[in-house]
Protein backbone atom coordinates (compact mmCIF):
# COMPACT_ATOMS: atom_id res chain seq x y z
CA MET A 1 -1.23 81.53 107.25
CA LEU A 2 -3.48 78.69 106.07
CA PHE A 3 -3.81 80.68 102.64
CA GLY A 4 -0.28 81.64 102.43
CA ARG A 5 1.33 78.31 102.71
CA GLY A 6 -0.89 77.27 99.98
CA ARG A 7 0.20 79.65 97.76
CA ARG A 8 3.74 78.81 98.23
CA ARG A 9 3.15 75.18 97.46
CA ARG A 10 1.53 76.35 94.17
CA ARG A 11 4.60 78.33 93.58
CA GLU A 12 7.11 75.69 94.61
CA ARG A 13 5.24 73.13 92.09
CA GLU A 14 8.00 71.30 90.31
CA LEU A 15 7.74 72.31 86.49
CA ASP A 16 7.84 69.75 83.40
CA PRO A 17 10.80 70.36 80.92
CA ASP A 18 8.32 71.10 78.16
CA GLU A 19 7.35 73.59 80.19
CA ILE A 20 10.56 75.65 80.42
CA PHE A 21 10.88 78.18 77.89
CA LEU A 22 14.66 79.13 76.86
CA ASP A 23 15.64 82.37 75.70
CA SER A 24 19.04 81.89 73.25
CA SER A 25 20.97 83.05 76.12
CA ASN A 26 20.05 79.75 77.62
CA LEU A 27 21.90 77.84 75.01
CA SER A 28 25.22 78.63 75.29
CA GLY A 29 25.23 75.69 78.06
CA PHE A 30 24.32 72.79 75.71
CA ASP A 31 25.47 70.64 73.26
CA THR A 32 23.25 71.36 70.51
CA GLY A 33 24.57 69.05 67.89
CA GLN A 34 22.83 66.39 70.35
CA LEU A 35 20.17 68.21 70.25
CA GLU A 36 20.51 69.64 74.02
CA GLY A 37 18.49 72.41 75.14
CA ARG A 38 15.89 71.57 72.32
CA LEU A 39 12.26 71.30 73.20
CA GLU A 40 10.51 68.41 71.13
CA LYS A 41 8.34 69.31 67.98
CA PRO A 42 4.58 68.54 68.47
CA ILE A 43 3.42 65.70 66.00
CA ALA A 44 1.05 67.63 63.43
CA PRO A 45 -2.66 67.06 63.58
CA ASN A 46 -3.17 65.46 59.83
CA THR A 47 -0.51 62.77 60.83
CA PHE A 48 -3.38 61.33 62.86
CA ALA A 49 -5.44 61.33 59.97
CA GLY A 50 -3.15 59.48 58.00
CA ILE A 51 -3.17 56.79 59.91
CA GLY A 52 -6.56 56.86 60.62
CA LEU A 53 -7.12 56.37 56.47
CA VAL A 54 -4.24 53.86 56.25
CA ALA A 55 -6.32 52.04 59.25
CA VAL A 56 -9.41 52.15 57.78
CA LEU A 57 -8.29 50.70 54.01
CA ILE A 58 -6.58 47.62 55.58
CA LEU A 59 -9.76 46.75 57.65
CA THR A 60 -11.63 47.33 54.48
CA ALA A 61 -9.26 45.01 52.72
CA LEU A 62 -9.34 42.30 55.29
CA VAL A 63 -13.59 42.50 55.37
CA ALA A 64 -13.56 42.21 51.25
CA GLN A 65 -11.03 39.27 51.26
CA ALA A 66 -13.14 37.77 54.31
CA ALA A 67 -16.75 38.36 52.05
CA ASN A 68 -15.13 36.66 48.71
CA LEU A 69 -13.40 33.71 50.30
CA GLN A 70 -16.71 33.17 52.64
CA MET A 71 -19.54 34.02 50.39
CA LEU A 72 -17.99 33.95 46.52
CA GLN A 73 -15.50 31.04 46.62
CA GLY A 74 -16.44 29.40 49.91
CA GLU A 75 -17.67 26.71 47.88
CA ARG A 76 -14.97 25.96 45.72
CA TYR A 77 -12.72 26.06 48.97
CA SER A 78 -14.38 23.69 51.03
CA ALA A 79 -14.37 21.36 47.64
CA GLN A 80 -10.64 21.89 48.00
CA SER A 81 -10.34 21.12 51.64
CA GLU A 82 -12.77 18.16 51.82
CA ARG A 83 -10.40 16.88 48.84
CA ASN A 84 -7.06 17.34 50.67
CA ARG A 85 -8.38 14.76 53.21
CA LEU A 86 -10.55 12.51 51.19
CA ARG A 87 -7.98 11.76 48.05
CA PRO A 88 -9.41 10.05 45.09
CA GLN A 89 -7.66 6.80 43.84
CA VAL A 90 -8.53 5.37 40.53
CA LEU A 91 -10.03 1.67 40.85
CA PHE A 92 -8.67 0.08 37.30
CA ALA A 93 -11.30 -1.62 35.34
CA GLU A 94 -10.81 -5.20 34.40
CA ARG A 95 -10.18 -5.56 30.52
CA GLY A 96 -12.25 -8.46 29.15
CA ALA A 97 -10.99 -11.33 28.02
CA ILE A 98 -10.23 -12.41 24.63
CA VAL A 99 -11.78 -16.56 23.36
CA ASP A 100 -11.67 -18.37 20.69
CA ARG A 101 -14.76 -20.06 19.06
CA ASN A 102 -14.82 -22.96 21.66
CA GLY A 103 -14.28 -20.59 24.56
CA VAL A 104 -10.25 -21.49 24.72
CA ALA A 105 -8.83 -18.12 26.31
CA LEU A 106 -6.55 -16.65 23.87
CA VAL A 107 -5.91 -13.36 26.04
CA PHE A 108 -6.56 -13.42 30.11
CA ASN A 109 -6.01 -11.12 32.94
CA GLU A 110 -3.13 -11.53 36.00
CA ALA A 111 -3.82 -9.53 39.17
CA GLY A 112 -0.65 -7.24 39.37
CA ASP A 113 0.66 -5.61 42.78
CA ASP A 114 -0.24 -2.04 41.39
CA GLY A 115 -4.26 -1.88 41.61
CA PHE A 116 -4.62 -3.24 38.05
CA VAL A 117 -4.37 -6.37 36.02
CA THR A 118 -1.89 -7.45 33.11
CA ARG A 119 -2.88 -9.17 30.01
CA LYS A 120 -1.37 -12.66 29.10
CA TYR A 121 -1.06 -13.63 25.44
CA GLU A 122 -1.44 -16.97 23.76
CA SER A 123 1.97 -17.23 22.16
CA PRO A 124 3.47 -17.74 19.93
CA GLY A 125 1.39 -18.25 16.71
CA PHE A 126 -1.20 -15.58 18.05
CA ALA A 127 0.53 -12.47 17.85
CA HIS A 128 -0.72 -10.24 14.78
CA LEU A 129 -4.18 -11.72 15.73
CA LEU A 130 -4.44 -10.37 19.06
CA GLY A 131 -2.13 -7.09 19.42
CA TYR A 132 -0.98 -5.90 22.33
CA VAL A 133 -1.90 -3.11 24.85
CA SER A 134 -0.20 -0.10 26.61
CA TYR A 135 -0.25 -0.10 30.18
CA PRO A 136 -1.48 3.05 33.02
CA LYS A 137 1.76 5.24 33.14
CA ARG A 138 3.15 6.87 36.30
CA ASP A 139 5.21 9.75 37.09
CA SER A 140 8.32 10.24 38.90
CA SER A 141 6.46 10.58 42.14
CA GLY A 142 4.35 6.94 41.32
CA LYS A 143 1.34 9.10 40.39
CA PHE A 144 -0.59 7.47 37.65
CA TYR A 145 -1.04 10.46 34.99
CA ASP A 146 -2.27 7.73 32.18
CA THR A 147 -4.81 5.44 33.54
CA GLU A 148 -6.26 3.79 30.82
CA ILE A 149 -5.04 0.34 29.05
CA LYS A 150 -5.04 0.95 25.73
CA GLY A 151 -5.17 -1.47 22.53
CA LEU A 152 -2.29 -0.57 20.15
CA SER A 153 -2.87 -3.45 17.18
CA GLY A 154 -5.01 -6.92 16.52
CA VAL A 155 -8.36 -7.66 17.96
CA GLU A 156 -6.67 -5.32 21.21
CA SER A 157 -7.01 -2.55 19.00
CA ALA A 158 -9.88 -2.80 17.02
CA MET A 159 -12.49 -4.15 19.68
CA ASN A 160 -11.08 -1.69 22.42
CA ASP A 161 -14.07 0.07 23.22
CA ILE A 162 -16.04 -3.53 23.89
CA LEU A 163 -13.03 -4.63 25.60
CA SER A 164 -11.76 -1.82 27.81
CA GLY A 165 -14.82 -1.07 30.23
CA LYS A 166 -14.85 1.87 32.69
CA ASN A 167 -12.32 2.76 35.40
CA GLY A 168 -13.83 3.80 39.01
CA THR A 169 -13.14 5.77 41.92
CA LEU A 170 -12.01 5.08 45.55
CA LEU A 171 -12.06 8.01 48.04
CA VAL A 172 -9.40 7.46 50.37
CA GLU A 173 -9.14 9.34 53.93
CA GLU A 174 -6.18 10.55 55.38
CA ASP A 175 -4.96 12.42 58.45
CA ALA A 176 -2.17 15.09 58.37
CA LEU A 177 0.47 12.77 58.28
CA GLY A 178 -0.69 11.29 55.28
CA LYS A 179 -1.49 7.98 57.09
CA ILE A 180 -4.82 6.42 55.32
CA GLN A 181 -7.74 6.18 57.85
CA SER A 182 -10.62 4.84 55.88
CA SER A 183 -11.80 4.06 52.17
CA GLY A 184 -14.46 3.98 50.32
CA THR A 185 -15.96 3.33 46.73
CA VAL A 186 -17.52 6.34 45.15
CA LYS A 187 -17.95 4.82 41.91
CA PRO A 188 -17.29 1.38 40.85
CA ALA A 189 -14.89 -0.32 38.23
CA GLU A 190 -17.04 -1.58 35.13
CA LYS A 191 -15.40 -4.70 33.53
CA GLY A 192 -15.02 -4.96 30.03
CA GLN A 193 -17.07 -7.60 28.25
CA THR A 194 -15.42 -10.85 26.61
CA VAL A 195 -14.88 -11.16 23.12
CA THR A 196 -15.61 -14.45 21.29
CA LEU A 197 -13.73 -14.85 17.81
CA SER A 198 -14.18 -16.88 14.96
CA ILE A 199 -10.46 -18.32 15.39
CA ASP A 200 -10.03 -21.75 16.34
CA SER A 201 -7.10 -22.02 18.24
CA ARG A 202 -6.41 -25.43 17.00
CA ALA A 203 -6.61 -24.44 13.29
CA GLN A 204 -4.16 -21.37 14.05
CA ARG A 205 -1.91 -23.33 15.99
CA ALA A 206 -1.71 -26.04 13.07
CA PHE A 207 -1.29 -23.52 10.45
CA ALA A 208 1.18 -21.23 12.31
CA ARG A 209 3.43 -24.54 13.36
CA SER A 210 3.49 -25.16 9.78
CA ILE A 211 4.51 -22.15 8.03
CA GLN A 212 6.98 -21.11 10.92
CA GLU A 213 8.97 -24.55 10.22
CA LEU A 214 9.30 -24.11 6.58
CA ALA A 215 10.04 -20.31 6.68
CA ASP A 216 13.01 -20.82 9.17
CA ARG A 217 14.28 -24.40 7.00
CA ILE A 218 14.49 -23.49 3.28
CA PRO A 219 14.13 -20.45 4.45
CA PHE A 220 11.32 -18.06 3.10
CA LYS A 221 11.44 -14.69 4.13
CA GLY A 222 8.04 -14.95 5.94
CA GLY A 223 4.46 -16.41 5.27
CA SER A 224 0.77 -16.31 6.01
CA ALA A 225 -2.45 -18.67 6.22
CA ILE A 226 -6.11 -18.21 6.42
CA LEU A 227 -8.83 -20.84 7.10
CA MET A 228 -12.48 -19.28 6.41
CA ASP A 229 -16.06 -20.77 6.29
CA VAL A 230 -16.62 -20.18 2.25
CA ASN A 231 -20.41 -19.33 3.53
CA THR A 232 -20.28 -16.92 6.57
CA GLY A 233 -16.73 -15.75 6.27
CA GLU A 234 -16.16 -16.50 10.01
CA VAL A 235 -12.09 -16.81 10.13
CA HIS A 236 -10.88 -19.89 12.00
CA ALA A 237 -7.06 -19.23 11.34
CA LEU A 238 -5.37 -15.97 10.71
CA VAL A 239 -1.63 -16.24 10.48
CA SER A 240 1.38 -14.25 10.11
CA TYR A 241 5.09 -15.21 10.50
CA PRO A 242 7.27 -13.90 11.80
CA GLU A 243 6.03 -12.31 14.51
CA TYR A 244 6.90 -10.69 18.27
CA ASP A 245 5.64 -11.68 21.39
CA PRO A 246 2.82 -9.48 22.59
CA ASN A 247 3.86 -10.24 26.47
CA VAL A 248 7.07 -8.56 25.68
CA LEU A 249 5.29 -5.77 23.80
CA SER A 250 2.90 -4.90 26.33
CA SER A 251 5.35 -4.83 29.24
CA GLY A 252 8.15 -3.12 27.58
CA GLY A 253 10.49 -5.26 27.68
CA PRO A 254 13.34 -6.67 27.51
CA SER A 255 14.78 -3.88 25.29
CA GLU A 256 17.09 -5.83 23.68
CA LEU A 257 14.33 -8.27 22.70
CA ILE A 258 12.53 -5.45 21.04
CA ALA A 259 15.21 -3.64 19.74
CA SER A 260 16.01 -6.85 17.80
CA TYR A 261 12.11 -6.50 16.14
CA GLN A 262 13.14 -3.34 14.99
CA LYS A 263 16.05 -4.60 12.94
CA ASP A 264 14.69 -7.51 12.08
CA THR A 265 14.43 -7.50 7.69
CA ARG A 266 11.96 -9.70 8.02
CA GLN A 267 9.56 -7.21 9.06
CA VAL A 268 8.18 -8.63 12.52
CA TYR A 269 5.57 -5.60 12.62
CA LEU A 270 3.78 -6.59 9.53
CA ASP A 271 0.77 -8.47 9.47
CA ARG A 272 1.30 -10.73 6.20
CA ALA A 273 -2.52 -11.92 6.31
CA VAL A 274 -4.05 -8.41 6.33
CA SER A 275 -1.63 -5.79 5.33
CA GLY A 276 0.53 -7.71 3.05
CA LEU A 277 0.52 -7.26 -0.96
CA TYR A 278 1.88 -9.90 -2.94
CA THR A 279 2.04 -10.83 -6.60
CA PRO A 280 -0.73 -13.46 -6.92
CA GLY A 281 0.53 -15.65 -9.87
CA SER A 282 -1.73 -18.30 -11.18
CA ILE A 283 -4.40 -18.26 -8.11
CA VAL A 284 -6.05 -15.62 -9.99
CA LYS A 285 -7.27 -18.13 -13.14
CA PRO A 286 -10.25 -19.70 -11.42
CA MET A 287 -12.13 -16.41 -11.50
CA GLU A 288 -10.96 -15.23 -14.60
CA VAL A 289 -11.75 -18.53 -16.37
CA ALA A 290 -15.62 -17.87 -14.99
CA GLY A 291 -15.39 -14.38 -16.21
CA ALA A 292 -14.44 -15.33 -19.92
CA LEU A 293 -16.60 -18.45 -19.84
CA THR A 294 -19.44 -15.81 -18.32
CA ASP A 295 -18.21 -13.65 -21.35
CA GLY A 296 -18.15 -15.93 -23.76
CA VAL A 297 -14.62 -15.55 -25.14
CA VAL A 298 -14.05 -19.03 -24.66
CA THR A 299 -16.27 -22.60 -23.99
CA PRO A 300 -15.81 -24.94 -21.68
CA GLU A 301 -14.18 -27.32 -24.26
CA THR A 302 -12.51 -24.64 -26.60
CA ILE A 303 -9.20 -25.88 -26.96
CA ILE A 304 -5.92 -23.96 -26.86
CA VAL A 305 -2.64 -25.51 -27.77
CA SER A 306 0.26 -24.90 -25.79
CA ASN A 307 3.66 -25.48 -27.17
CA GLY A 308 5.58 -23.78 -24.55
CA PHE A 309 5.38 -20.27 -25.69
CA ILE A 310 3.70 -18.10 -27.81
CA SER A 311 5.28 -15.75 -30.37
CA ILE A 312 3.98 -12.11 -31.21
CA PRO A 313 5.08 -9.84 -33.88
CA ASN A 314 7.36 -7.16 -33.28
CA PRO A 315 6.07 -4.28 -35.49
CA TYR A 316 9.32 -1.97 -34.93
CA ASP A 317 11.85 -5.51 -35.63
CA PRO A 318 9.92 -8.35 -37.19
CA SER A 319 13.40 -10.25 -36.36
CA ARG A 320 12.53 -10.35 -33.14
CA PRO A 321 9.28 -10.92 -32.19
CA SER A 322 7.95 -10.59 -28.16
CA ILE A 323 8.00 -14.50 -26.96
CA PHE A 324 5.95 -15.21 -24.10
CA LYS A 325 6.67 -18.56 -22.44
CA ASP A 326 4.69 -21.23 -20.78
CA TRP A 327 6.03 -22.71 -17.48
CA LYS A 328 6.02 -26.31 -19.87
CA VAL A 329 4.51 -27.95 -22.38
CA HIS A 330 1.02 -28.92 -21.68
CA GLY A 331 -0.43 -29.59 -25.06
CA PRO A 332 -4.30 -29.32 -26.21
CA MET A 333 -6.04 -27.49 -23.00
CA ASN A 334 -9.52 -26.83 -22.48
CA ALA A 335 -11.36 -24.52 -19.41
CA ARG A 336 -11.00 -27.37 -16.75
CA SER A 337 -7.34 -28.40 -18.15
CA ALA A 338 -6.04 -25.23 -18.24
CA VAL A 339 -6.92 -24.58 -14.47
CA ALA A 340 -5.51 -27.71 -13.14
CA TRP A 341 -2.34 -27.78 -14.97
CA SER A 342 -2.06 -23.81 -14.64
CA SER A 343 -1.43 -23.34 -18.60
CA ASP A 344 -0.04 -19.66 -18.79
CA VAL A 345 -0.63 -20.03 -22.65
CA TYR A 346 -4.50 -20.57 -22.19
CA PHE A 347 -4.82 -17.59 -20.33
CA TYR A 348 -2.30 -15.31 -22.41
CA ALA A 349 -4.96 -15.93 -24.82
CA VAL A 350 -8.24 -15.75 -22.73
CA GLY A 351 -7.06 -12.68 -21.53
CA GLY A 352 -5.07 -11.03 -24.02
CA GLY A 353 -6.28 -12.67 -27.37
CA TYR A 354 -4.13 -14.63 -29.21
CA ASP A 355 -4.86 -17.16 -32.63
CA GLY A 356 -8.45 -16.74 -33.09
CA ILE A 357 -9.19 -15.98 -29.42
CA ARG A 358 -10.54 -12.78 -28.93
CA GLY A 359 -9.58 -12.72 -25.41
CA LEU A 360 -10.89 -10.31 -22.62
CA GLY A 361 -8.55 -7.37 -23.04
CA ILE A 362 -7.25 -5.50 -19.79
CA ALA A 363 -10.26 -3.78 -19.48
CA ARG A 364 -12.64 -6.57 -19.12
CA LEU A 365 -10.37 -8.25 -17.15
CA LYS A 366 -9.70 -5.76 -14.91
CA TYR A 367 -13.48 -5.65 -14.20
CA TRP A 368 -13.74 -9.43 -12.99
CA TYR A 369 -10.82 -9.31 -11.09
CA ASP A 370 -12.58 -6.35 -9.45
CA LEU A 371 -15.94 -8.17 -8.49
CA PHE A 372 -14.19 -11.07 -7.03
CA GLY A 373 -12.57 -8.71 -4.73
CA PHE A 374 -8.77 -8.43 -5.67
CA THR A 375 -9.20 -4.27 -5.84
CA SER A 376 -10.84 -3.72 -2.49
CA ARG A 377 -10.70 -4.14 0.94
CA THR A 378 -12.68 -7.04 2.54
CA GLY A 379 -13.95 -5.01 5.34
CA ILE A 380 -12.70 -7.35 7.98
CA GLU A 381 -12.78 -5.68 11.52
CA LEU A 382 -9.04 -5.46 11.96
CA GLU A 383 -6.79 -1.90 11.27
CA GLY A 384 -4.62 -1.47 8.64
CA GLU A 385 -6.17 -3.90 6.00
CA ALA A 386 -4.38 -2.99 2.24
CA GLU A 387 -5.85 -2.65 -1.07
CA GLY A 388 -4.99 -4.56 -3.90
CA PHE A 389 -4.07 -3.49 -7.14
CA VAL A 390 -4.50 -4.15 -10.75
CA PRO A 391 -2.50 -1.93 -13.53
CA THR A 392 -4.50 -0.22 -16.15
CA PRO A 393 -3.11 1.48 -19.46
CA GLU A 394 -3.79 4.72 -17.65
CA TRP A 395 -1.80 3.91 -14.69
CA LYS A 396 1.50 2.68 -16.98
CA GLU A 397 1.06 6.19 -19.04
CA GLU A 398 0.98 8.02 -15.53
CA ARG A 399 3.60 6.41 -13.98
CA TYR A 400 6.23 5.30 -16.68
CA GLY A 401 5.20 7.41 -19.85
CA GLU A 402 4.33 4.89 -22.02
CA PRO A 403 1.74 2.95 -23.80
CA TRP A 404 0.07 -0.26 -22.85
CA ARG A 405 1.15 -3.11 -24.61
CA VAL A 406 -0.37 -6.65 -25.37
CA GLY A 407 2.27 -8.04 -23.35
CA ASP A 408 1.21 -6.20 -20.35
CA THR A 409 -2.21 -7.71 -20.57
CA TYR A 410 -0.59 -11.45 -21.04
CA ASN A 411 1.30 -10.69 -17.61
CA THR A 412 -1.59 -9.44 -15.75
CA ALA A 413 -3.62 -12.63 -17.08
CA ILE A 414 -1.36 -14.60 -15.29
CA GLY A 415 -1.68 -12.67 -12.30
CA GLN A 416 2.09 -10.96 -12.43
CA TYR A 417 3.24 -7.69 -13.92
CA ALA A 418 2.21 -4.89 -11.43
CA MET A 419 -0.94 -6.83 -10.00
CA GLN A 420 -1.08 -7.28 -6.00
CA VAL A 421 -3.57 -8.83 -3.91
CA THR A 422 -3.43 -9.49 0.22
CA PRO A 423 -3.81 -13.33 1.41
CA LEU A 424 -7.52 -12.00 2.77
CA GLU A 425 -8.65 -10.58 -0.71
CA ALA A 426 -7.43 -14.35 -2.21
CA ALA A 427 -9.63 -16.11 0.37
CA ARG A 428 -12.80 -14.07 -0.46
CA ALA A 429 -11.97 -14.64 -4.04
CA VAL A 430 -11.64 -18.12 -3.53
CA ALA A 431 -14.85 -18.54 -1.25
CA ALA A 432 -16.95 -16.60 -3.83
CA VAL A 433 -15.55 -19.40 -6.66
CA ALA A 434 -16.83 -22.33 -3.68
CA ASN A 435 -19.99 -20.93 -2.59
CA GLY A 436 -21.37 -19.97 -5.97
CA GLY A 437 -20.54 -16.16 -6.48
CA LYS A 438 -21.55 -14.85 -3.17
CA LEU A 439 -18.41 -11.94 -2.49
CA ILE A 440 -18.92 -12.45 1.42
CA ARG A 441 -17.14 -10.00 4.18
CA PRO A 442 -14.50 -12.00 6.38
CA THR A 443 -14.67 -11.77 10.31
CA LEU A 444 -13.30 -12.08 13.37
CA VAL A 445 -16.59 -12.45 15.60
CA LYS A 446 -18.07 -15.81 16.24
CA ASP A 447 -21.69 -15.66 14.70
CA ALA A 448 -21.49 -12.11 13.43
CA PRO A 449 -24.36 -11.24 10.81
CA LEU A 450 -23.58 -12.24 7.32
CA GLU A 451 -22.04 -9.21 4.66
CA GLY A 452 -21.60 -9.32 1.23
CA LYS A 453 -22.82 -9.53 -2.41
CA SER A 454 -23.56 -11.61 -4.95
CA ILE A 455 -21.65 -11.76 -8.59
CA PRO A 456 -23.12 -11.43 -11.58
CA VAL A 457 -21.23 -14.58 -12.88
CA ASP A 458 -22.96 -17.61 -14.48
CA GLN A 459 -22.96 -20.37 -12.03
CA ALA A 460 -22.21 -23.06 -14.97
CA ALA A 461 -19.19 -21.06 -15.51
CA LEU A 462 -18.01 -21.37 -11.84
CA GLN A 463 -18.77 -24.92 -11.98
CA VAL A 464 -16.09 -25.53 -14.70
CA ALA A 465 -13.43 -23.83 -12.42
CA ARG A 466 -14.58 -25.90 -9.79
CA ASP A 467 -14.02 -28.93 -11.67
CA GLY A 468 -10.61 -27.29 -12.48
CA MET A 469 -9.30 -26.98 -9.19
CA ARG A 470 -10.45 -30.59 -8.30
CA LEU A 471 -9.07 -31.71 -11.39
CA GLY A 472 -5.66 -29.19 -9.85
CA ALA A 473 -5.79 -31.37 -6.86
CA THR A 474 -6.20 -34.89 -8.21
CA GLU A 475 -3.56 -35.01 -11.10
CA GLY A 476 -2.34 -31.17 -11.85
CA THR A 477 -0.42 -28.89 -9.98
CA SER A 478 -1.78 -29.10 -6.44
CA ILE A 479 -1.24 -32.99 -6.33
CA GLY A 480 0.61 -32.51 -3.80
CA LEU A 481 -2.36 -32.66 -1.74
CA SER A 482 -4.25 -35.76 -2.69
CA ASP A 483 -2.04 -37.55 -0.09
CA LEU A 484 -4.74 -36.05 2.58
CA SER A 485 -7.22 -39.25 2.12
CA PHE A 486 -9.19 -37.84 5.15
CA VAL A 487 -10.73 -35.02 2.66
CA GLU A 488 -11.46 -34.14 -0.85
CA LEU A 489 -10.40 -30.90 -1.93
CA ALA A 490 -10.12 -28.64 -4.87
CA GLY A 491 -6.87 -26.47 -4.94
CA LYS A 492 -5.07 -24.35 -7.23
CA THR A 493 -1.25 -23.18 -6.74
CA GLY A 494 0.43 -19.88 -7.84
CA THR A 495 4.21 -18.76 -8.24
CA ALA A 496 5.41 -15.70 -8.13
CA GLN A 497 8.53 -14.62 -10.05
CA LEU A 498 10.96 -11.89 -7.75
CA GLY A 499 14.33 -10.62 -7.79
CA VAL A 500 16.68 -9.30 -10.69
CA ASN A 501 16.91 -12.47 -12.33
CA ASN A 502 13.80 -14.08 -11.01
CA GLU A 503 16.10 -15.74 -8.18
CA PHE A 504 12.96 -15.71 -5.69
CA TYR A 505 9.42 -17.10 -5.32
CA ASN A 506 5.94 -16.18 -3.68
CA SER A 507 4.59 -19.71 -3.45
CA TRP A 508 0.75 -20.04 -3.15
CA ALA A 509 -1.61 -22.88 -2.13
CA VAL A 510 -5.22 -22.08 -2.51
CA GLY A 511 -8.42 -23.98 -2.17
CA TYR A 512 -11.42 -25.52 -0.75
CA PHE A 513 -12.89 -28.31 1.27
CA PRO A 514 -14.58 -30.47 0.81
CA TYR A 515 -15.32 -30.46 -3.14
CA ASP A 516 -18.83 -31.11 -3.01
CA LYS A 517 -20.03 -29.37 -0.59
CA PRO A 518 -17.74 -26.48 0.09
CA LYS A 519 -17.05 -25.10 3.77
CA TYR A 520 -13.50 -24.08 4.19
CA VAL A 521 -11.51 -22.09 1.92
CA TYR A 522 -7.67 -22.18 2.78
CA VAL A 523 -4.98 -19.59 1.73
CA VAL A 524 -1.35 -20.21 2.16
CA VAL A 525 1.37 -18.06 0.80
CA MET A 526 5.20 -18.72 1.77
CA GLU A 527 7.04 -15.25 0.67
CA ARG A 528 10.20 -14.59 -1.00
CA GLY A 529 11.69 -18.03 -1.18
CA PRO A 530 14.81 -19.57 -3.25
CA SER A 531 13.27 -20.50 -6.73
CA THR A 532 14.22 -24.05 -6.16
CA ASN A 533 11.31 -24.38 -3.77
CA ALA A 534 8.44 -23.44 -5.76
CA VAL A 535 6.40 -25.77 -3.76
CA GLY A 536 6.38 -24.30 -0.81
CA GLY A 537 2.76 -23.37 -0.20
CA ILE A 538 1.36 -26.79 -0.93
CA TYR A 539 4.27 -28.26 1.58
CA ALA A 540 2.94 -26.35 4.10
CA THR A 541 -0.78 -26.61 3.35
CA TYR A 542 -0.46 -30.45 3.59
CA HIS A 543 1.05 -30.25 6.63
CA ALA A 544 -1.03 -27.78 8.52
CA LEU A 545 -4.37 -29.78 7.21
CA SER A 546 -2.79 -33.08 8.24
CA GLU A 547 -2.07 -31.34 12.08
CA LEU A 548 -5.78 -30.01 11.95
CA HIS A 549 -6.89 -33.55 11.32
CA ARG A 550 -5.09 -34.99 14.10
CA THR A 551 -6.36 -32.46 16.49
CA ALA A 552 -9.68 -31.20 15.53
CA PRO A 553 -10.97 -34.41 12.59
CA GLU A 554 -14.57 -32.87 12.83
CA TYR A 555 -13.21 -29.96 10.16
CA PHE A 556 -13.42 -33.21 7.84
CA GLU A 557 -16.15 -34.87 8.76
């Protein structure tokens, strides 16, 4: 019984659908389009092998990447993560101040709101000397992409390495929301050094004011002035007018004012003292007479008579001789009086030869101009210094395809034709006359080492040139300075004609003081003024020295 019931239970066990086998006749009652009456097809064995292979590859890639991140690039990403938390910030170095020889601040720093200081400049009268800077720049998000304060002109540029210092770094800790949690200095900023110039702000202002007043009133296109120690080359004043405001250029505005600088026909950005080239006119005569006396072309007492002109026969048309005029009838002139009264006829003969005087000739004339530094840069610390020029036969042939004529030598002998010099070259040349033939290097640094060379010129010849310049200040062309009773000086003037009809002049005044023991050389040039005011250089010098005597009388003690 029991056995029979057990067997019935086994026979009555319910069957799973996949255990049912149907024959084709059983399909008649099913919708085969919906897969009714069909068995599920079993998954093939190789499917599981493929899935396993993919899983292994993914796991291998994950392990390789983990190894790369942890072992190979772990240090890099760790540093990057640290930077995300600790943000570096620039500590701007304080730029060094610029002071004059007496410690008066000409450029100083003023604290700004953005972590760096701004420069404040003494103005007016100092722009080309001091120059200006550009400040660090930001991108549109306010972050600095340029972190340097750079000098762009003048002393700011020439001495940028000394003034600039070195920026530091401040690490700022931020949380995930960007809020600062703490900060600490990693690398402190190094302050730039203070630069002490040879400039005396009192002398600079005196010459700057005098030149500006005269240039604006007459008017002249511009002007320049230099006051320099004849023995050391230390420059006490270096003036160029017109000028810009360095505070405006550094800050970048107002834009309208900067635009006006660009449009100004007077060349506001030109540093006339260092980069301006001018026809020198008669200021070259003391150097020329020293060379002619050294070469034995004339003696100090050789007389050359000026009747107001010389006449040179024209080989092509005897009826039309070449006439070279003096600026007035001077009568008999020797070396001293010719310098004092600036006789052109005397220097026509000395330079190019006339009436028994063989003359230096253009080659020797250029030789002496070269020795006195008229054709070489002085080497002052400022950038952009120009170099003077003396014409030669080779230059004329190449430039114009014409031969050199004696008239070209005559005009070069009085500082005309194509000759050009800078005011700084003129100051060095006059200093060489005053100090006994030493061609010194001008410098803007107080107590800088003396640099220069000696000119092979006869000392007695230089004394004659100095005597002529002293005579010029007492009775000659520089007599306008004789009213300066507080000083005995030696002077020389020069006027260079400009314009199609010689309707403009460059007016020069050069010299040194005191006469008996030379200490300072002065050079003033007023640029492109009307021919009715050929004494502008003397006028500006007179007022500048008068002002200097009032503010700094020790210059004349």
